[in-house]
Amino acid sequence: MGIRRFRSGIVALANGQTARVHVVNAASEPTSRAKTVCWGLWQNPSSELIVEGTSGLAAGASAFLDSPDRPAGGQGERAQIRAMVAVLDDREADCVVTLEVFESKSQRAAVLMLLAEERRGLAEQRDLMPASALLPAGRSPGAAEPERLKGAAELDVVLVRPKRDWRQGVRRFRSGIVGVARGQTAWVHVVNTTSEPDAAAKTAWIQGWGSNPRSEPLTEGTALRLPSGASVFHDFRPDASAVGQESRAQVRVSVIVLDDPRAECVVTVEVFDDDSGRTAVIVQIPDDA
């Protein structure tokens, strides 16, 4: 069915702060299947559903869900918020989910996190079927390696270790939506962490999109070379017209790293204040493995 689920832990909100869940369909093919997002925000400790919704996302589109202006809780108390998101028809795992907390007045982000997809397929099935059935039919010999304890029976659980195919060494990183207020800059870093001076250099291609939900390119894609230990960055400063009435621009980035079979490159995205240079939020972006 292509259903993916994302759940956050508790995020505490003080008075004057807003929690926002973003989902972006990062598919690059305009003709790819649209996704359906079902989501909600709950308030603990009573586990009360305070807002919910459903959105359709074509390729490149994004949507967000905000916490109410005044979550329950007395003066000086902190509201305990958590998010749950289900994405339908996403067999290609193109959707990226982020949760942020920002100041309602200044619109500046205080917290930004990527929500990891819930993975429970093997856990649900391993007690119900023989271990051999967990391997897809017609798999290639390098797709996975089953390990069986000596003397194990057919119904015993085996450990399935997926293998990444790094023969081409191509890795793709896609951030979720990052909110950028007036007077702030989004900055993407790529660092080659290898310590071998004679190792082959990597090539990184960086592209940014802004003004979501329309998903318009911020700049032309940039290709950069990364020798051992080197790092590069690219900044994105949305035009004032792109910020809009909300005083926040919606930015996301895509990074493709070539010749990285050992997964030595690390990608981070941060937002900092232009005047002080202080970092407001920073998040490390996982690859699409």
C-alpha atoms as a PDB file:
ATOM      1  CA  MET A   1       0.000   0.000   0.000  1.00  0.00           C
ATOM      2  CA  GLY A   2       2.983   2.353   0.346  1.00  0.00           C
ATOM      3  CA  ILE A   3       1.909   3.656   3.780  1.00  0.00           C
ATOM      4  CA  ARG A   4       4.621   5.357   5.815  1.00  0.00           C
ATOM      5  CA  ARG A   5       4.192   6.498   9.419  1.00  0.00           C
ATOM      6  CA  PHE A   6       6.088   9.163  11.353  1.00  0.00           C
ATOM      7  CA  ARG A   7       5.763   9.902  15.080  1.00  0.00           C
ATOM      8  CA  SER A   8       7.505  12.579  17.105  1.00  0.00           C
ATOM      9  CA  GLY A   9       8.277  12.566  20.781  1.00  0.00           C
ATOM     10  CA  ILE A  10       7.090  15.322  23.086  1.00  0.00           C
ATOM     11  CA  VAL A  11       7.985  18.903  22.165  1.00  0.00           C
ATOM     12  CA  ALA A  12       7.305  21.517  24.856  1.00  0.00           C
ATOM     13  CA  LEU A  13       5.862  24.905  23.855  1.00  0.00           C
ATOM     14  CA  ALA A  14       6.056  28.056  25.959  1.00  0.00           C
ATOM     15  CA  ASN A  15       3.596  30.906  25.631  1.00  0.00           C
ATOM     16  CA  GLY A  16       4.148  32.706  22.325  1.00  0.00           C
ATOM     17  CA  GLN A  17       5.509  29.668  20.467  1.00  0.00           C
ATOM     18  CA  THR A  18       3.998  27.577  17.661  1.00  0.00           C
ATOM     19  CA  ALA A  19       4.657  23.970  16.642  1.00  0.00           C
ATOM     20  CA  ARG A  20       4.539  23.287  12.906  1.00  0.00           C
ATOM     21  CA  VAL A  21       4.717  19.956  11.086  1.00  0.00           C
ATOM     22  CA  HIS A  22       5.883  20.115   7.468  1.00  0.00           C
ATOM     23  CA  VAL A  23       5.566  17.408   4.835  1.00  0.00           C
ATOM     24  CA  VAL A  24       7.180  17.852   1.409  1.00  0.00           C
ATOM     25  CA  ASN A  25       6.911  15.522  -1.568  1.00  0.00           C
ATOM     26  CA  ALA A  26      10.515  15.696  -2.749  1.00  0.00           C
ATOM     27  CA  ALA A  27       9.873  13.685  -5.920  1.00  0.00           C
ATOM     28  CA  SER A  28      11.553  15.323  -8.911  1.00  0.00           C
ATOM     29  CA  GLU A  29       9.398  13.738 -11.630  1.00  0.00           C
ATOM     30  CA  PRO A  30       6.325  15.916 -12.369  1.00  0.00           C
ATOM     31  CA  THR A  31       4.357  12.848 -13.471  1.00  0.00           C
ATOM     32  CA  SER A  32       5.059  10.828 -10.307  1.00  0.00           C
ATOM     33  CA  ARG A  33       2.140   9.675  -8.184  1.00  0.00           C
ATOM     34  CA  ALA A  34       0.622  12.257  -5.809  1.00  0.00           C
ATOM     35  CA  LYS A  35       0.784  11.462  -2.087  1.00  0.00           C
ATOM     36  CA  THR A  36      -1.914  11.779   0.559  1.00  0.00           C
ATOM     37  CA  VAL A  37      -0.995  12.997   4.041  1.00  0.00           C
ATOM     38  CA  CYS A  38      -3.108  12.347   7.136  1.00  0.00           C
ATOM     39  CA  TRP A  39      -1.806  14.051  10.247  1.00  0.00           C
ATOM     40  CA  GLY A  40      -2.596  15.367  13.684  1.00  0.00           C
ATOM     41  CA  LEU A  41      -1.165  17.060  16.765  1.00  0.00           C
ATOM     42  CA  TRP A  42      -1.827  15.742  20.247  1.00  0.00           C
ATOM     43  CA  GLN A  43      -1.393  17.398  23.630  1.00  0.00           C
ATOM     44  CA  ASN A  44      -0.127  15.400  26.579  1.00  0.00           C
ATOM     45  CA  PRO A  45      -0.370  14.229  29.325  1.00  0.00           C
ATOM     46  CA  SER A  46      -4.077  13.765  28.492  1.00  0.00           C
ATOM     47  CA  SER A  47      -3.282  12.683  24.886  1.00  0.00           C
ATOM     48  CA  GLU A  48      -5.906  15.054  23.499  1.00  0.00           C
ATOM     49  CA  LEU A  49      -6.148  15.526  19.730  1.00  0.00           C
ATOM     50  CA  ILE A  50      -6.006  19.305  19.220  1.00  0.00           C
ATOM     51  CA  VAL A  51      -5.792  19.587  15.425  1.00  0.00           C
ATOM     52  CA  GLU A  52      -5.882  17.199  12.461  1.00  0.00           C
ATOM     53  CA  GLY A  53      -6.098  17.334   8.682  1.00  0.00           C
ATOM     54  CA  THR A  54      -5.586  15.675   5.312  1.00  0.00           C
ATOM     55  CA  SER A  55      -3.591  17.062   2.382  1.00  0.00           C
ATOM     56  CA  GLY A  56      -2.772  15.953  -1.152  1.00  0.00           C
ATOM     57  CA  LEU A  57       0.799  16.517  -2.352  1.00  0.00           C
ATOM     58  CA  ALA A  58       1.814  16.493  -5.993  1.00  0.00           C
ATOM     59  CA  ALA A  59       5.504  16.211  -6.915  1.00  0.00           C
ATOM     60  CA  GLY A  60       7.453  19.084  -5.321  1.00  0.00           C
ATOM     61  CA  ALA A  61       4.505  20.289  -3.231  1.00  0.00           C
ATOM     62  CA  SER A  62       4.446  20.760   0.533  1.00  0.00           C
ATOM     63  CA  ALA A  63       1.933  21.441   3.277  1.00  0.00           C
ATOM     64  CA  PHE A  64       2.051  22.185   6.996  1.00  0.00           C
ATOM     65  CA  LEU A  65      -0.087  21.832  10.111  1.00  0.00           C
ATOM     66  CA  ASP A  66       0.202  24.313  12.993  1.00  0.00           C
ATOM     67  CA  SER A  67      -0.656  23.964  16.654  1.00  0.00           C
ATOM     68  CA  PRO A  68      -3.515  26.213  17.839  1.00  0.00           C
ATOM     69  CA  ASP A  69      -2.621  29.737  18.887  1.00  0.00           C
ATOM     70  CA  ARG A  70      -3.395  29.031  22.510  1.00  0.00           C
ATOM     71  CA  PRO A  71      -2.756  25.415  23.481  1.00  0.00           C
ATOM     72  CA  ALA A  72      -4.250  24.401  26.789  1.00  0.00           C
ATOM     73  CA  GLY A  73      -2.188  25.213  29.866  1.00  0.00           C
ATOM     74  CA  GLY A  74      -2.028  27.989  32.404  1.00  0.00           C
ATOM     75  CA  GLN A  75       0.150  31.055  32.435  1.00  0.00           C
ATOM     76  CA  GLY A  76       3.803  30.063  32.605  1.00  0.00           C
ATOM     77  CA  GLU A  77       3.094  26.419  31.862  1.00  0.00           C
ATOM     78  CA  ARG A  78       4.556  24.615  28.858  1.00  0.00           C
ATOM     79  CA  ALA A  79       2.266  22.716  26.522  1.00  0.00           C
ATOM     80  CA  GLN A  80       3.386  19.177  25.663  1.00  0.00           C
ATOM     81  CA  ILE A  81       2.816  18.562  21.944  1.00  0.00           C
ATOM     82  CA  ARG A  82       3.464  15.515  19.778  1.00  0.00           C
ATOM     83  CA  ALA A  83       2.809  14.796  16.108  1.00  0.00           C
ATOM     84  CA  MET A  84       1.687  11.748  14.131  1.00  0.00           C
ATOM     85  CA  VAL A  85       1.804  11.631  10.322  1.00  0.00           C
ATOM     86  CA  ALA A  86       0.736   8.937   7.860  1.00  0.00           C
ATOM     87  CA  VAL A  87       1.713   9.270   4.186  1.00  0.00           C
ATOM     88  CA  LEU A  88      -0.192   7.155   1.673  1.00  0.00           C
ATOM     89  CA  ASP A  89       0.957   6.000  -1.779  1.00  0.00           C
ATOM     90  CA  ASP A  90       4.615   6.713  -1.059  1.00  0.00           C
ATOM     91  CA  ARG A  91       6.288   3.501  -2.201  1.00  0.00           C
ATOM     92  CA  GLU A  92       9.328   5.471  -3.355  1.00  0.00           C
ATOM     93  CA  ALA A  93       9.775   7.122   0.088  1.00  0.00           C
ATOM     94  CA  ASP A  94       9.816  10.591  -1.476  1.00  0.00           C
ATOM     95  CA  CYS A  95       8.123  12.460   1.384  1.00  0.00           C
ATOM     96  CA  VAL A  96      10.174  14.128   4.121  1.00  0.00           C
ATOM     97  CA  VAL A  97       8.624  15.196   7.444  1.00  0.00           C
ATOM     98  CA  THR A  98       9.984  17.898   9.755  1.00  0.00           C
ATOM     99  CA  LEU A  99       8.765  19.339  13.048  1.00  0.00           C
ATOM    100  CA  GLU A 100       9.758  22.799  14.152  1.00  0.00           C
ATOM    101  CA  VAL A 101       8.980  25.208  16.970  1.00  0.00           C
ATOM    102  CA  PHE A 102       9.142  28.921  16.211  1.00  0.00           C
ATOM    103  CA  GLU A 103       8.392  32.197  17.951  1.00  0.00           C
ATOM    104  CA  SER A 104       4.894  33.253  16.920  1.00  0.00           C
ATOM    105  CA  LYS A 105       5.766  36.964  16.916  1.00  0.00           C
ATOM    106  CA  SER A 106       9.207  37.055  15.281  1.00  0.00           C
ATOM    107  CA  GLN A 107       8.652  33.839  13.244  1.00  0.00           C
ATOM    108  CA  ARG A 108      12.206  32.727  14.070  1.00  0.00           C
ATOM    109  CA  ALA A 109      12.742  29.003  14.533  1.00  0.00           C
ATOM    110  CA  ALA A 110      13.804  27.696  17.943  1.00  0.00           C
ATOM    111  CA  VAL A 111      13.748  23.927  17.236  1.00  0.00           C
ATOM    112  CA  LEU A 112      13.985  21.909  14.019  1.00  0.00           C
ATOM    113  CA  MET A 113      14.004  18.127  13.707  1.00  0.00           C
ATOM    114  CA  LEU A 114      13.562  15.499  11.027  1.00  0.00           C
ATOM    115  CA  LEU A 115      11.032  12.823  11.905  1.00  0.00           C
ATOM    116  CA  ALA A 116      12.236   9.298  11.215  1.00  0.00           C
ATOM    117  CA  GLU A 117       9.939   6.852   9.500  1.00  0.00           C
ATOM    118  CA  GLU A 118       8.518   4.157  11.726  1.00  0.00           C
ATOM    119  CA  ARG A 119       9.870   0.761  10.666  1.00  0.00           C
ATOM    120  CA  ARG A 120       8.024  -2.231  12.045  1.00  0.00           C
ATOM    121  CA  GLY A 121       7.390  -4.608   9.131  1.00  0.00           C
ATOM    122  CA  LEU A 122       9.830  -7.303  10.195  1.00  0.00           C
ATOM    123  CA  ALA A 123       8.877  -7.063  13.857  1.00  0.00           C
ATOM    124  CA  GLU A 124       5.206  -7.664  13.030  1.00  0.00           C
ATOM    125  CA  GLN A 125       5.867 -10.626  10.731  1.00  0.00           C
ATOM    126  CA  ARG A 126       8.729 -12.599  12.249  1.00  0.00           C
ATOM    127  CA  ASP A 127       6.481 -14.527  14.658  1.00  0.00           C
ATOM    128  CA  LEU A 128       3.907 -15.332  11.980  1.00  0.00           C
ATOM    129  CA  MET A 129       5.890 -16.849   9.124  1.00  0.00           C
ATOM    130  CA  PRO A 130       9.071 -18.782   8.441  1.00  0.00           C
ATOM    131  CA  ALA A 131      12.177 -16.670   8.275  1.00  0.00           C
ATOM    132  CA  SER A 132      12.724 -17.574   4.618  1.00  0.00           C
ATOM    133  CA  ALA A 133       9.474 -15.773   3.786  1.00  0.00           C
ATOM    134  CA  LEU A 134      10.925 -12.474   4.992  1.00  0.00           C
ATOM    135  CA  LEU A 135      13.193 -12.371   1.956  1.00  0.00           C
ATOM    136  CA  PRO A 136      11.556 -11.029  -1.219  1.00  0.00           C
ATOM    137  CA  ALA A 137      10.989 -13.534  -3.998  1.00  0.00           C
ATOM    138  CA  GLY A 138      13.500 -13.345  -6.824  1.00  0.00           C
ATOM    139  CA  ARG A 139      15.908 -11.181  -4.850  1.00  0.00           C
ATOM    140  CA  SER A 140      19.384 -10.669  -6.217  1.00  0.00           C
ATOM    141  CA  PRO A 141      22.181 -12.572  -4.433  1.00  0.00           C
ATOM    142  CA  GLY A 142      23.639  -9.309  -3.075  1.00  0.00           C
ATOM    143  CA  ALA A 143      20.353  -7.908  -1.786  1.00  0.00           C
ATOM    144  CA  ALA A 144      20.597  -9.460   1.679  1.00  0.00           C
ATOM    145  CA  GLU A 145      22.524 -11.978   3.711  1.00  0.00           C
ATOM    146  CA  PRO A 146      20.560 -14.373   5.963  1.00  0.00           C
ATOM    147  CA  GLU A 147      22.377 -15.663   9.028  1.00  0.00           C
ATOM    148  CA  ARG A 148      21.154 -18.779  10.859  1.00  0.00           C
ATOM    149  CA  LEU A 149      22.370 -20.111  14.161  1.00  0.00           C
ATOM    150  CA  LYS A 150      23.761 -23.630  14.079  1.00  0.00           C
ATOM    151  CA  GLY A 151      20.938 -26.129  14.469  1.00  0.00           C
ATOM    152  CA  ALA A 152      18.193 -23.497  14.018  1.00  0.00           C
ATOM    153  CA  ALA A 153      14.807 -24.735  12.831  1.00  0.00           C
ATOM    154  CA  GLU A 154      12.847 -23.320   9.894  1.00  0.00           C
ATOM    155  CA  LEU A 155      10.600 -21.240  12.141  1.00  0.00           C
ATOM    156  CA  ASP A 156      13.448 -19.744  14.107  1.00  0.00           C
ATOM    157  CA  VAL A 157      14.164 -16.082  13.520  1.00  0.00           C
ATOM    158  CA  VAL A 158      17.129 -15.298  11.330  1.00  0.00           C
ATOM    159  CA  LEU A 159      18.961 -12.010  11.116  1.00  0.00           C
ATOM    160  CA  VAL A 160      18.552 -10.280   7.765  1.00  0.00           C
ATOM    161  CA  ARG A 161      21.275  -7.778   7.009  1.00  0.00           C
ATOM    162  CA  PRO A 162      20.472  -5.551   4.044  1.00  0.00           C
ATOM    163  CA  LYS A 163      23.370  -4.663   1.783  1.00  0.00           C
ATOM    164  CA  ARG A 164      23.759  -1.266   0.213  1.00  0.00           C
ATOM    165  CA  ASP A 165      24.894  -1.221  -3.369  1.00  0.00           C
ATOM    166  CA  TRP A 166      27.731   1.323  -3.303  1.00  0.00           C
ATOM    167  CA  ARG A 167      29.286   0.227  -6.602  1.00  0.00           C
ATOM    168  CA  GLN A 168      28.562   3.627  -8.060  1.00  0.00           C
ATOM    169  CA  GLY A 169      28.958   5.476  -4.763  1.00  0.00           C
ATOM    170  CA  VAL A 170      26.087   7.884  -5.470  1.00  0.00           C
ATOM    171  CA  ARG A 171      24.264   9.234  -2.400  1.00  0.00           C
ATOM    172  CA  ARG A 172      21.263  11.566  -2.278  1.00  0.00           C
ATOM    173  CA  PHE A 173      20.283  13.787   0.649  1.00  0.00           C
ATOM    174  CA  ARG A 174      16.938  15.602   0.815  1.00  0.00           C
ATOM    175  CA  SER A 175      15.982  17.955   3.622  1.00  0.00           C
ATOM    176  CA  GLY A 176      12.469  18.661   4.696  1.00  0.00           C
ATOM    177  CA  ILE A 177      11.044  22.163   4.830  1.00  0.00           C
ATOM    178  CA  VAL A 178      13.066  24.724   6.800  1.00  0.00           C
ATOM    179  CA  GLY A 179      11.391  27.993   7.818  1.00  0.00           C
ATOM    180  CA  VAL A 180      13.507  31.127   7.279  1.00  0.00           C
ATOM    181  CA  ALA A 181      12.345  34.436   8.791  1.00  0.00           C
ATOM    182  CA  ARG A 182      13.316  37.936   7.696  1.00  0.00           C
ATOM    183  CA  GLY A 183      16.926  38.612   8.607  1.00  0.00           C
ATOM    184  CA  GLN A 184      17.920  34.949   8.501  1.00  0.00           C
ATOM    185  CA  THR A 185      19.865  32.747   6.086  1.00  0.00           C
ATOM    186  CA  ALA A 186      19.670  29.015   5.400  1.00  0.00           C
ATOM    187  CA  TRP A 187      23.075  27.392   4.960  1.00  0.00           C
ATOM    188  CA  VAL A 188      23.801  23.852   3.717  1.00  0.00           C
ATOM    189  CA  HIS A 189      27.197  22.310   4.565  1.00  0.00           C
ATOM    190  CA  VAL A 190      28.813  19.259   2.961  1.00  0.00           C
ATOM    191  CA  VAL A 191      32.022  17.880   4.509  1.00  0.00           C
ATOM    192  CA  ASN A 192      34.213  15.009   3.305  1.00  0.00           C
ATOM    193  CA  THR A 193      35.236  13.385   6.592  1.00  0.00           C
ATOM    194  CA  THR A 194      37.766  10.927   5.181  1.00  0.00           C
ATOM    195  CA  SER A 195      41.184  11.141   6.856  1.00  0.00           C
ATOM    196  CA  GLU A 196      43.149   9.540   4.027  1.00  0.00           C
ATOM    197  CA  PRO A 197      44.924  12.336   2.135  1.00  0.00           C
ATOM    198  CA  ASP A 198      45.225  10.285  -1.059  1.00  0.00           C
ATOM    199  CA  ALA A 199      41.567   9.227  -1.156  1.00  0.00           C
ATOM    200  CA  ALA A 200      39.568  10.091  -4.249  1.00  0.00           C
ATOM    201  CA  ALA A 201      37.842  13.470  -4.120  1.00  0.00           C
ATOM    202  CA  LYS A 202      34.046  13.624  -3.980  1.00  0.00           C
ATOM    203  CA  THR A 203      31.764  15.736  -6.123  1.00  0.00           C
ATOM    204  CA  ALA A 204      28.728  17.375  -4.514  1.00  0.00           C
ATOM    205  CA  TRP A 205      25.796  18.871  -6.408  1.00  0.00           C
ATOM    206  CA  ILE A 206      23.601  21.245  -4.391  1.00  0.00           C
ATOM    207  CA  GLN A 207      20.167  22.580  -5.327  1.00  0.00           C
ATOM    208  CA  GLY A 208      17.763  24.650  -3.258  1.00  0.00           C
ATOM    209  CA  TRP A 209      14.027  25.228  -3.590  1.00  0.00           C
ATOM    210  CA  GLY A 210      11.948  27.950  -2.005  1.00  0.00           C
ATOM    211  CA  SER A 211       8.487  29.477  -1.915  1.00  0.00           C
ATOM    212  CA  ASN A 212       6.864  26.155  -1.223  1.00  0.00           C
ATOM    213  CA  PRO A 213       4.181  24.930  -1.775  1.00  0.00           C
ATOM    214  CA  ARG A 214       5.078  25.841  -5.379  1.00  0.00           C
ATOM    215  CA  SER A 215       8.592  24.389  -5.100  1.00  0.00           C
ATOM    216  CA  GLU A 216      10.493  26.927  -7.217  1.00  0.00           C
ATOM    217  CA  PRO A 217      14.307  26.642  -7.602  1.00  0.00           C
ATOM    218  CA  LEU A 218      16.145  29.273  -5.565  1.00  0.00           C
ATOM    219  CA  THR A 219      19.296  29.088  -7.708  1.00  0.00           C
ATOM    220  CA  GLU A 220      20.815  26.992 -10.427  1.00  0.00           C
ATOM    221  CA  GLY A 221      22.308  23.738  -9.180  1.00  0.00           C
ATOM    222  CA  THR A 222      25.930  24.070  -8.068  1.00  0.00           C
ATOM    223  CA  ALA A 223      28.616  21.359  -8.468  1.00  0.00           C
ATOM    224  CA  LEU A 224      31.508  21.477  -5.973  1.00  0.00           C
ATOM    225  CA  ARG A 225      34.662  19.343  -5.525  1.00  0.00           C
ATOM    226  CA  LEU A 226      35.552  17.887  -2.109  1.00  0.00           C
ATOM    227  CA  PRO A 227      39.079  16.525  -1.495  1.00  0.00           C
ATOM    228  CA  SER A 228      39.857  14.669   1.752  1.00  0.00           C
ATOM    229  CA  GLY A 229      38.865  16.688   4.827  1.00  0.00           C
ATOM    230  CA  ALA A 230      37.431  19.569   2.800  1.00  0.00           C
ATOM    231  CA  SER A 231      34.015  21.149   3.230  1.00  0.00           C
ATOM    232  CA  VAL A 232      31.818  23.432   1.159  1.00  0.00           C
ATOM    233  CA  PHE A 233      28.686  25.403   1.841  1.00  0.00           C
ATOM    234  CA  HIS A 234      25.939  27.134  -0.066  1.00  0.00           C
ATOM    235  CA  ASP A 235      23.668  29.774   1.406  1.00  0.00           C
ATOM    236  CA  PHE A 236      20.085  30.566   0.485  1.00  0.00           C
ATOM    237  CA  ARG A 237      18.661  34.008   1.205  1.00  0.00           C
ATOM    238  CA  PRO A 238      15.077  34.184  -0.050  1.00  0.00           C
ATOM    239  CA  ASP A 239      13.961  37.462  -1.605  1.00  0.00           C
ATOM    240  CA  ALA A 240      11.702  39.662   0.495  1.00  0.00           C
ATOM    241  CA  SER A 241       8.875  38.918  -1.956  1.00  0.00           C
ATOM    242  CA  ALA A 242       9.262  35.190  -1.232  1.00  0.00           C
ATOM    243  CA  VAL A 243       8.859  35.646   2.507  1.00  0.00           C
ATOM    244  CA  GLY A 244       5.249  36.813   2.170  1.00  0.00           C
ATOM    245  CA  GLN A 245       2.803  37.947   4.797  1.00  0.00           C
ATOM    246  CA  GLU A 246       3.824  35.243   7.235  1.00  0.00           C
ATOM    247  CA  SER A 247       7.335  36.716   7.357  1.00  0.00           C
ATOM    248  CA  ARG A 248       8.731  33.213   6.758  1.00  0.00           C
ATOM    249  CA  ALA A 249      10.079  31.583   3.624  1.00  0.00           C
ATOM    250  CA  GLN A 250       9.866  27.816   3.127  1.00  0.00           C
ATOM    251  CA  VAL A 251      13.196  26.414   1.928  1.00  0.00           C
ATOM    252  CA  ARG A 252      14.415  22.888   1.207  1.00  0.00           C
ATOM    253  CA  VAL A 253      17.641  21.534  -0.277  1.00  0.00           C
ATOM    254  CA  SER A 254      18.787  18.510  -2.247  1.00  0.00           C
ATOM    255  CA  VAL A 255      22.391  17.294  -2.295  1.00  0.00           C
ATOM    256  CA  ILE A 256      23.833  14.540  -4.497  1.00  0.00           C
ATOM    257  CA  VAL A 257      27.336  13.265  -3.675  1.00  0.00           C
ATOM    258  CA  LEU A 258      29.256  11.226  -6.240  1.00  0.00           C
ATOM    259  CA  ASP A 259      32.130   8.796  -5.657  1.00  0.00           C
ATOM    260  CA  ASP A 260      31.292   8.203  -1.997  1.00  0.00           C
ATOM    261  CA  PRO A 261      31.165   4.384  -1.629  1.00  0.00           C
ATOM    262  CA  ARG A 262      32.168   4.523   2.064  1.00  0.00           C
ATOM    263  CA  ALA A 263      29.508   7.111   2.967  1.00  0.00           C
ATOM    264  CA  GLU A 264      32.127   9.569   4.244  1.00  0.00           C
ATOM    265  CA  CYS A 265      30.327  12.797   3.371  1.00  0.00           C
ATOM    266  CA  VAL A 266      28.046  14.432   5.950  1.00  0.00           C
ATOM    267  CA  VAL A 267      25.376  17.037   5.131  1.00  0.00           C
ATOM    268  CA  THR A 268      23.918  19.578   7.559  1.00  0.00           C
ATOM    269  CA  VAL A 269      21.433  22.425   7.155  1.00  0.00           C
ATOM    270  CA  GLU A 270      21.365  25.375   9.511  1.00  0.00           C
ATOM    271  CA  VAL A 271      19.526  28.665   9.850  1.00  0.00           C
ATOM    272  CA  PHE A 272      21.380  31.609  11.374  1.00  0.00           C
ATOM    273  CA  ASP A 273      20.659  35.270  12.130  1.00  0.00           C
ATOM    274  CA  ASP A 274      22.237  37.664   9.647  1.00  0.00           C
ATOM    275  CA  ASP A 275      23.027  40.382  12.217  1.00  0.00           C
ATOM    276  CA  SER A 276      24.637  38.304  14.953  1.00  0.00           C
ATOM    277  CA  GLY A 277      25.755  35.264  12.955  1.00  0.00           C
ATOM    278  CA  ARG A 278      24.336  33.033  15.698  1.00  0.00           C
ATOM    279  CA  THR A 279      22.875  29.694  14.697  1.00  0.00           C
ATOM    280  CA  ALA A 280      19.155  29.397  15.361  1.00  0.00           C
ATOM    281  CA  VAL A 281      18.680  25.749  14.345  1.00  0.00           C
ATOM    282  CA  ILE A 282      20.801  23.033  12.766  1.00  0.00           C
ATOM    283  CA  VAL A 283      19.946  19.515  11.598  1.00  0.00           C
ATOM    284  CA  GLN A 284      21.953  16.706  10.010  1.00  0.00           C
ATOM    285  CA  ILE A 285      20.363  15.288   6.851  1.00  0.00           C
ATOM    286  CA  PRO A 286      20.440  11.492   6.354  1.00  0.00           C
ATOM    287  CA  ASP A 287      20.879  10.005   2.903  1.00  0.00           C
ATOM    288  CA  ASP A 288      18.095   8.190   1.050  1.00  0.00           C
ATOM    289  CA  ALA A 289      19.516   4.717   1.754  1.00  0.00           C
END
